Amino acid sequence: MKVVFFGLPLAALLLVEDGHEVLLAVLSPIAAAGKRRLCRRIGAERVLHAVELGERLDTAVQDELGRLAPDLVVSWFWTRRLPEPWLCVARLGGIGVHPSLLPRHRGPNPFFWAIDCADEQT
């Protein structure tokens, strides 16, 4: 399956390991391991980093999505809402993984609150 990915690099690597083609990986501004490994695996030209792009992120992503034909958009630990036009590009739409049981810990970085509240499940 052809995937456009938003989030932490290790999840993108898992998608690749499972046989999916990651056409584009847009990495979350959260510091996380795996960026160099992902760049080696799928090619640095297919990896965008939110921190490095700053205010140009939306334009860069929109330009890339305009030339790709993904089957699915996947969001995993992405820290903001994906614009609807980005989701509409994918033939099958999009799926998102949130690191807490909603609505208990909404918003970006809910893993901190899950740990702080001693949640046994997330």
N, C-alpha and C. Protein backbone atom coordinates (compact mmCIF):
# COMPACT_ATOMS: atom_id res chain seq x y z
N MET A 1 0.84 -1.17 0.00
CA MET A 1 0.00 0.00 0.00
C MET A 1 0.89 1.24 0.00
N LYS A 2 0.52 2.23 -0.78
CA LYS A 2 1.26 3.48 -0.86
C LYS A 2 0.75 4.43 0.22
N VAL A 3 1.66 4.86 1.10
CA VAL A 3 1.28 5.61 2.30
C VAL A 3 2.02 6.95 2.35
N VAL A 4 1.28 7.98 2.76
CA VAL A 4 1.90 9.24 3.19
C VAL A 4 1.76 9.25 4.69
N PHE A 5 2.87 9.46 5.39
CA PHE A 5 2.92 9.31 6.83
C PHE A 5 3.21 10.63 7.52
N PHE A 6 2.54 10.88 8.64
CA PHE A 6 2.78 12.03 9.50
C PHE A 6 3.02 11.54 10.91
N GLY A 7 4.17 11.87 11.51
CA GLY A 7 4.38 11.47 12.90
C GLY A 7 5.82 11.15 13.22
N LEU A 8 6.00 10.18 14.11
CA LEU A 8 7.32 9.80 14.58
C LEU A 8 7.98 8.79 13.64
N PRO A 9 9.29 8.91 13.43
CA PRO A 9 9.97 8.08 12.44
C PRO A 9 9.89 6.58 12.67
N LEU A 10 9.86 6.14 13.92
CA LEU A 10 9.84 4.69 14.16
C LEU A 10 8.56 4.05 13.63
N ALA A 11 7.46 4.75 13.68
CA ALA A 11 6.22 4.20 13.13
C ALA A 11 6.30 4.10 11.61
N ALA A 12 6.92 5.08 10.97
CA ALA A 12 7.11 5.01 9.51
C ALA A 12 7.98 3.81 9.16
N LEU A 13 9.00 3.57 9.96
CA LEU A 13 9.85 2.41 9.73
C LEU A 13 9.08 1.10 9.89
N LEU A 14 8.17 1.05 10.83
CA LEU A 14 7.33 -0.15 11.00
C LEU A 14 6.46 -0.38 9.77
N LEU A 15 5.92 0.69 9.21
CA LEU A 15 5.12 0.55 7.99
C LEU A 15 5.97 -0.02 6.85
N VAL A 16 7.19 0.47 6.72
CA VAL A 16 8.10 -0.05 5.69
C VAL A 16 8.40 -1.52 5.95
N GLU A 17 8.67 -1.86 7.21
CA GLU A 17 8.96 -3.26 7.57
C GLU A 17 7.78 -4.18 7.21
N ASP A 18 6.57 -3.65 7.32
CA ASP A 18 5.38 -4.44 7.00
C ASP A 18 5.10 -4.50 5.50
N GLY A 19 5.96 -3.90 4.69
CA GLY A 19 5.82 -4.00 3.24
C GLY A 19 5.09 -2.85 2.58
N HIS A 20 4.78 -1.80 3.31
CA HIS A 20 4.11 -0.65 2.71
C HIS A 20 5.16 0.27 2.09
N GLU A 21 4.76 0.98 1.06
CA GLU A 21 5.64 1.95 0.42
C GLU A 21 5.34 3.32 1.00
N VAL A 22 6.26 3.86 1.76
CA VAL A 22 6.08 5.19 2.34
C VAL A 22 6.57 6.19 1.29
N LEU A 23 5.60 6.83 0.63
CA LEU A 23 5.91 7.79 -0.42
C LEU A 23 6.49 9.08 0.15
N LEU A 24 6.01 9.44 1.32
CA LEU A 24 6.44 10.67 1.98
C LEU A 24 6.26 10.48 3.48
N ALA A 25 7.27 10.88 4.25
CA ALA A 25 7.17 10.85 5.71
C ALA A 25 7.41 12.27 6.20
N VAL A 26 6.39 12.84 6.84
CA VAL A 26 6.50 14.17 7.43
C VAL A 26 6.64 13.96 8.93
N LEU A 27 7.81 14.30 9.45
CA LEU A 27 8.12 13.98 10.83
C LEU A 27 7.63 15.06 11.79
N SER A 28 7.10 14.61 12.88
CA SER A 28 6.56 15.45 13.94
C SER A 28 7.66 16.33 14.53
N PRO A 29 7.27 17.50 15.07
CA PRO A 29 8.28 18.35 15.71
C PRO A 29 8.80 17.81 17.04
N ILE A 30 8.24 16.72 17.52
CA ILE A 30 8.72 16.09 18.75
C ILE A 30 10.05 15.39 18.46
N ALA A 31 11.05 15.63 19.29
CA ALA A 31 12.34 14.95 19.11
C ALA A 31 12.15 13.45 19.32
N ALA A 32 12.59 12.67 18.35
CA ALA A 32 12.41 11.22 18.43
C ALA A 32 13.49 10.50 17.64
N ALA A 33 13.79 9.32 18.06
CA ALA A 33 14.80 8.50 17.39
C ALA A 33 14.28 7.96 16.07
N GLY A 34 15.19 7.69 15.14
CA GLY A 34 14.84 6.99 13.92
C GLY A 34 14.91 7.80 12.64
N LYS A 35 15.12 9.10 12.73
CA LYS A 35 15.11 9.92 11.51
C LYS A 35 16.20 9.49 10.52
N ARG A 36 17.44 9.34 10.99
CA ARG A 36 18.52 8.95 10.09
C ARG A 36 18.26 7.59 9.46
N ARG A 37 17.77 6.65 10.27
CA ARG A 37 17.47 5.30 9.77
C ARG A 37 16.37 5.36 8.70
N LEU A 38 15.34 6.18 8.95
CA LEU A 38 14.26 6.33 7.97
C LEU A 38 14.78 6.94 6.68
N CYS A 39 15.63 7.97 6.79
CA CYS A 39 16.21 8.59 5.59
C CYS A 39 17.01 7.58 4.78
N ARG A 40 17.77 6.74 5.46
CA ARG A 40 18.54 5.70 4.75
C ARG A 40 17.61 4.69 4.09
N ARG A 41 16.52 4.37 4.75
CA ARG A 41 15.63 3.31 4.27
C ARG A 41 14.78 3.74 3.09
N ILE A 42 14.20 4.96 3.14
CA ILE A 42 13.28 5.37 2.06
C ILE A 42 13.86 6.49 1.20
N GLY A 43 14.99 7.07 1.62
CA GLY A 43 15.60 8.18 0.88
C GLY A 43 15.29 9.50 1.55
N ALA A 44 16.32 10.29 1.79
CA ALA A 44 16.17 11.57 2.49
C ALA A 44 15.23 12.53 1.76
N GLU A 45 15.15 12.41 0.44
CA GLU A 45 14.28 13.30 -0.33
C GLU A 45 12.79 13.05 -0.05
N ARG A 46 12.48 11.91 0.55
CA ARG A 46 11.07 11.58 0.87
C ARG A 46 10.75 11.82 2.34
N VAL A 47 11.65 12.47 3.06
CA VAL A 47 11.44 12.76 4.48
C VAL A 47 11.45 14.27 4.69
N LEU A 48 10.36 14.79 5.23
CA LEU A 48 10.27 16.21 5.59
C LEU A 48 10.20 16.30 7.11
N HIS A 49 10.86 17.30 7.68
CA HIS A 49 10.85 17.45 9.13
C HIS A 49 10.20 18.78 9.48
N ALA A 50 9.14 18.72 10.28
CA ALA A 50 8.37 19.91 10.62
C ALA A 50 9.23 21.01 11.22
N VAL A 51 10.17 20.66 12.08
CA VAL A 51 11.02 21.66 12.74
C VAL A 51 11.90 22.38 11.71
N GLU A 52 12.46 21.64 10.79
CA GLU A 52 13.35 22.24 9.79
C GLU A 52 12.59 23.12 8.81
N LEU A 53 11.37 22.77 8.49
CA LEU A 53 10.59 23.55 7.52
C LEU A 53 9.89 24.75 8.13
N GLY A 54 9.57 24.67 9.41
CA GLY A 54 8.91 25.79 10.09
C GLY A 54 7.64 26.22 9.39
N GLU A 55 7.54 27.50 9.07
CA GLU A 55 6.34 28.05 8.45
C GLU A 55 6.12 27.58 7.02
N ARG A 56 7.14 27.02 6.40
CA ARG A 56 7.01 26.51 5.03
C ARG A 56 6.43 25.10 4.98
N LEU A 57 6.15 24.50 6.14
CA LEU A 57 5.69 23.11 6.19
C LEU A 57 4.43 22.89 5.36
N ASP A 58 3.40 23.69 5.57
CA ASP A 58 2.14 23.48 4.87
C ASP A 58 2.32 23.52 3.35
N THR A 59 3.07 24.49 2.87
CA THR A 59 3.31 24.62 1.43
C THR A 59 4.10 23.43 0.90
N ALA A 60 5.13 23.03 1.63
CA ALA A 60 5.95 21.90 1.20
C ALA A 60 5.13 20.61 1.13
N VAL A 61 4.32 20.38 2.15
CA VAL A 61 3.49 19.17 2.16
C VAL A 61 2.46 19.22 1.03
N GLN A 62 1.80 20.35 0.86
CA GLN A 62 0.80 20.48 -0.20
C GLN A 62 1.42 20.23 -1.57
N ASP A 63 2.62 20.75 -1.81
CA ASP A 63 3.31 20.54 -3.08
C ASP A 63 3.61 19.06 -3.31
N GLU A 64 4.10 18.38 -2.26
CA GLU A 64 4.41 16.96 -2.38
C GLU A 64 3.15 16.13 -2.61
N LEU A 65 2.11 16.42 -1.86
CA LEU A 65 0.86 15.65 -2.00
C LEU A 65 0.26 15.83 -3.39
N GLY A 66 0.48 16.99 -3.98
CA GLY A 66 -0.05 17.25 -5.31
C GLY A 66 0.53 16.34 -6.38
N ARG A 67 1.72 15.84 -6.17
CA ARG A 67 2.34 14.98 -7.18
C ARG A 67 2.28 13.49 -6.83
N LEU A 68 1.89 13.15 -5.61
CA LEU A 68 1.81 11.76 -5.18
C LEU A 68 0.39 11.23 -5.34
N ALA A 69 0.27 9.94 -5.40
CA ALA A 69 -1.06 9.31 -5.45
C ALA A 69 -1.12 8.24 -4.35
N PRO A 70 -1.20 8.66 -3.07
CA PRO A 70 -1.18 7.68 -1.99
C PRO A 70 -2.51 6.93 -1.88
N ASP A 71 -2.43 5.74 -1.35
CA ASP A 71 -3.64 4.99 -1.03
C ASP A 71 -4.20 5.44 0.32
N LEU A 72 -3.30 5.78 1.24
CA LEU A 72 -3.71 6.05 2.61
C LEU A 72 -2.80 7.10 3.25
N VAL A 73 -3.40 7.95 4.08
CA VAL A 73 -2.65 8.87 4.93
C VAL A 73 -2.68 8.30 6.34
N VAL A 74 -1.51 8.18 6.96
CA VAL A 74 -1.40 7.65 8.31
C VAL A 74 -0.80 8.72 9.21
N SER A 75 -1.45 8.93 10.34
CA SER A 75 -0.97 9.88 11.34
C SER A 75 -0.72 9.13 12.64
N TRP A 76 0.51 9.25 13.17
CA TRP A 76 0.88 8.56 14.41
C TRP A 76 1.76 9.49 15.22
N PHE A 77 1.22 10.02 16.32
CA PHE A 77 1.91 11.01 17.16
C PHE A 77 2.17 12.30 16.39
N TRP A 78 1.26 12.68 15.52
CA TRP A 78 1.35 13.98 14.86
C TRP A 78 0.72 14.99 15.80
N THR A 79 1.29 16.16 15.92
CA THR A 79 0.91 17.08 16.98
C THR A 79 -0.13 18.13 16.59
N ARG A 80 -0.70 18.02 15.41
CA ARG A 80 -1.75 18.97 15.02
C ARG A 80 -2.70 18.31 14.04
N ARG A 81 -3.84 18.93 13.86
CA ARG A 81 -4.86 18.38 12.96
C ARG A 81 -4.39 18.48 11.52
N LEU A 82 -4.59 17.39 10.77
CA LEU A 82 -4.25 17.41 9.35
C LEU A 82 -5.37 18.10 8.58
N PRO A 83 -5.03 19.02 7.69
CA PRO A 83 -6.06 19.69 6.89
C PRO A 83 -6.83 18.70 6.02
N GLU A 84 -8.10 18.93 5.87
CA GLU A 84 -8.95 18.03 5.09
C GLU A 84 -8.44 17.78 3.67
N PRO A 85 -7.94 18.82 2.96
CA PRO A 85 -7.43 18.55 1.61
C PRO A 85 -6.29 17.53 1.58
N TRP A 86 -5.50 17.47 2.65
CA TRP A 86 -4.42 16.49 2.70
C TRP A 86 -4.99 15.08 2.80
N LEU A 87 -6.08 14.92 3.54
CA LEU A 87 -6.70 13.60 3.69
C LEU A 87 -7.42 13.17 2.42
N CYS A 88 -7.97 14.14 1.71
CA CYS A 88 -8.74 13.84 0.49
C CYS A 88 -7.87 13.37 -0.66
N VAL A 89 -6.56 13.60 -0.57
CA VAL A 89 -5.64 13.17 -1.62
C VAL A 89 -5.57 11.65 -1.70
N ALA A 90 -5.70 11.00 -0.56
CA ALA A 90 -5.54 9.54 -0.51
C ALA A 90 -6.81 8.83 -0.95
N ARG A 91 -6.64 7.81 -1.75
CA ARG A 91 -7.76 7.01 -2.28
C ARG A 91 -8.61 6.42 -1.17
N LEU A 92 -7.98 5.97 -0.08
CA LEU A 92 -8.70 5.33 1.03
C LEU A 92 -8.89 6.26 2.23
N GLY A 93 -8.49 7.52 2.10
CA GLY A 93 -8.64 8.45 3.22
C GLY A 93 -7.48 8.34 4.18
N GLY A 94 -7.75 8.52 5.47
CA GLY A 94 -6.68 8.51 6.44
C GLY A 94 -7.08 7.85 7.75
N ILE A 95 -6.07 7.44 8.48
CA ILE A 95 -6.27 6.90 9.82
C ILE A 95 -5.27 7.59 10.75
N GLY A 96 -5.66 7.72 12.00
CA GLY A 96 -4.79 8.36 12.97
C GLY A 96 -4.72 7.55 14.25
N VAL A 97 -3.55 7.53 14.84
CA VAL A 97 -3.34 6.85 16.11
C VAL A 97 -3.04 7.92 17.15
N HIS A 98 -3.78 7.90 18.24
CA HIS A 98 -3.59 8.85 19.32
C HIS A 98 -3.05 8.10 20.53
N PRO A 99 -2.05 8.65 21.22
CA PRO A 99 -1.38 7.90 22.28
C PRO A 99 -2.08 7.91 23.63
N SER A 100 -3.37 8.15 23.65
CA SER A 100 -4.12 8.01 24.90
C SER A 100 -5.55 7.63 24.56
N LEU A 101 -6.27 7.20 25.58
CA LEU A 101 -7.67 6.88 25.37
C LEU A 101 -8.46 8.20 25.34
N LEU A 102 -9.03 8.49 24.19
CA LEU A 102 -9.79 9.73 24.06
C LEU A 102 -11.15 9.57 24.70
N PRO A 103 -11.72 10.57 25.30
CA PRO A 103 -11.25 11.96 25.35
C PRO A 103 -10.42 12.27 26.59
N ARG A 104 -10.02 11.28 27.35
CA ARG A 104 -9.35 11.51 28.64
C ARG A 104 -8.18 12.49 28.54
N HIS A 105 -7.27 12.28 27.62
CA HIS A 105 -6.10 13.15 27.49
C HIS A 105 -6.01 13.65 26.05
N ARG A 106 -6.76 14.69 25.76
CA ARG A 106 -6.77 15.25 24.41
C ARG A 106 -5.54 16.13 24.20
N GLY A 107 -5.33 16.48 22.93
CA GLY A 107 -4.30 17.45 22.59
C GLY A 107 -2.95 16.81 22.30
N PRO A 108 -1.98 17.67 21.96
CA PRO A 108 -0.64 17.14 21.68
C PRO A 108 0.03 16.67 22.97
N ASN A 109 0.89 15.71 22.87
CA ASN A 109 1.68 15.18 23.99
C ASN A 109 0.84 14.61 25.14
N PRO A 110 -0.19 13.86 24.87
CA PRO A 110 -1.01 13.31 25.95
C PRO A 110 -0.32 12.20 26.72
N PHE A 111 0.76 11.66 26.18
CA PHE A 111 1.46 10.58 26.89
C PHE A 111 1.96 11.06 28.25
N PHE A 112 2.35 12.34 28.36
CA PHE A 112 2.78 12.87 29.65
C PHE A 112 1.67 12.75 30.67
N TRP A 113 0.46 13.17 30.28
CA TRP A 113 -0.66 13.15 31.22
C TRP A 113 -1.07 11.72 31.56
N ALA A 114 -0.97 10.82 30.60
CA ALA A 114 -1.29 9.42 30.89
C ALA A 114 -0.34 8.85 31.94
N ILE A 115 0.93 9.19 31.83
CA ILE A 115 1.91 8.72 32.82
C ILE A 115 1.69 9.42 34.16
N ASP A 116 1.50 10.75 34.13
CA ASP A 116 1.32 11.52 35.34
C ASP A 116 0.08 11.08 36.12
N CYS A 117 -0.96 10.67 35.40
CA CYS A 117 -2.21 10.22 36.06
C CYS A 117 -2.17 8.73 36.39
N ALA A 118 -1.05 8.07 36.12
CA ALA A 118 -0.87 6.63 36.40
C ALA A 118 -1.90 5.77 35.69
N ASP A 119 -2.27 6.16 34.48
CA ASP A 119 -3.20 5.35 33.69
C ASP A 119 -2.57 3.99 33.42
N GLU A 120 -3.33 2.93 33.64
CA GLU A 120 -2.81 1.61 33.36
C GLU A 120 -2.97 1.22 31.91
N GLN A 121 -3.86 1.90 31.18
CA GLN A 121 -4.07 1.65 29.76
C GLN A 121 -3.99 2.98 29.01
N THR A 122 -3.38 2.92 27.83
CA THR A 122 -3.37 4.08 26.95
C THR A 122 -3.61 3.64 25.54
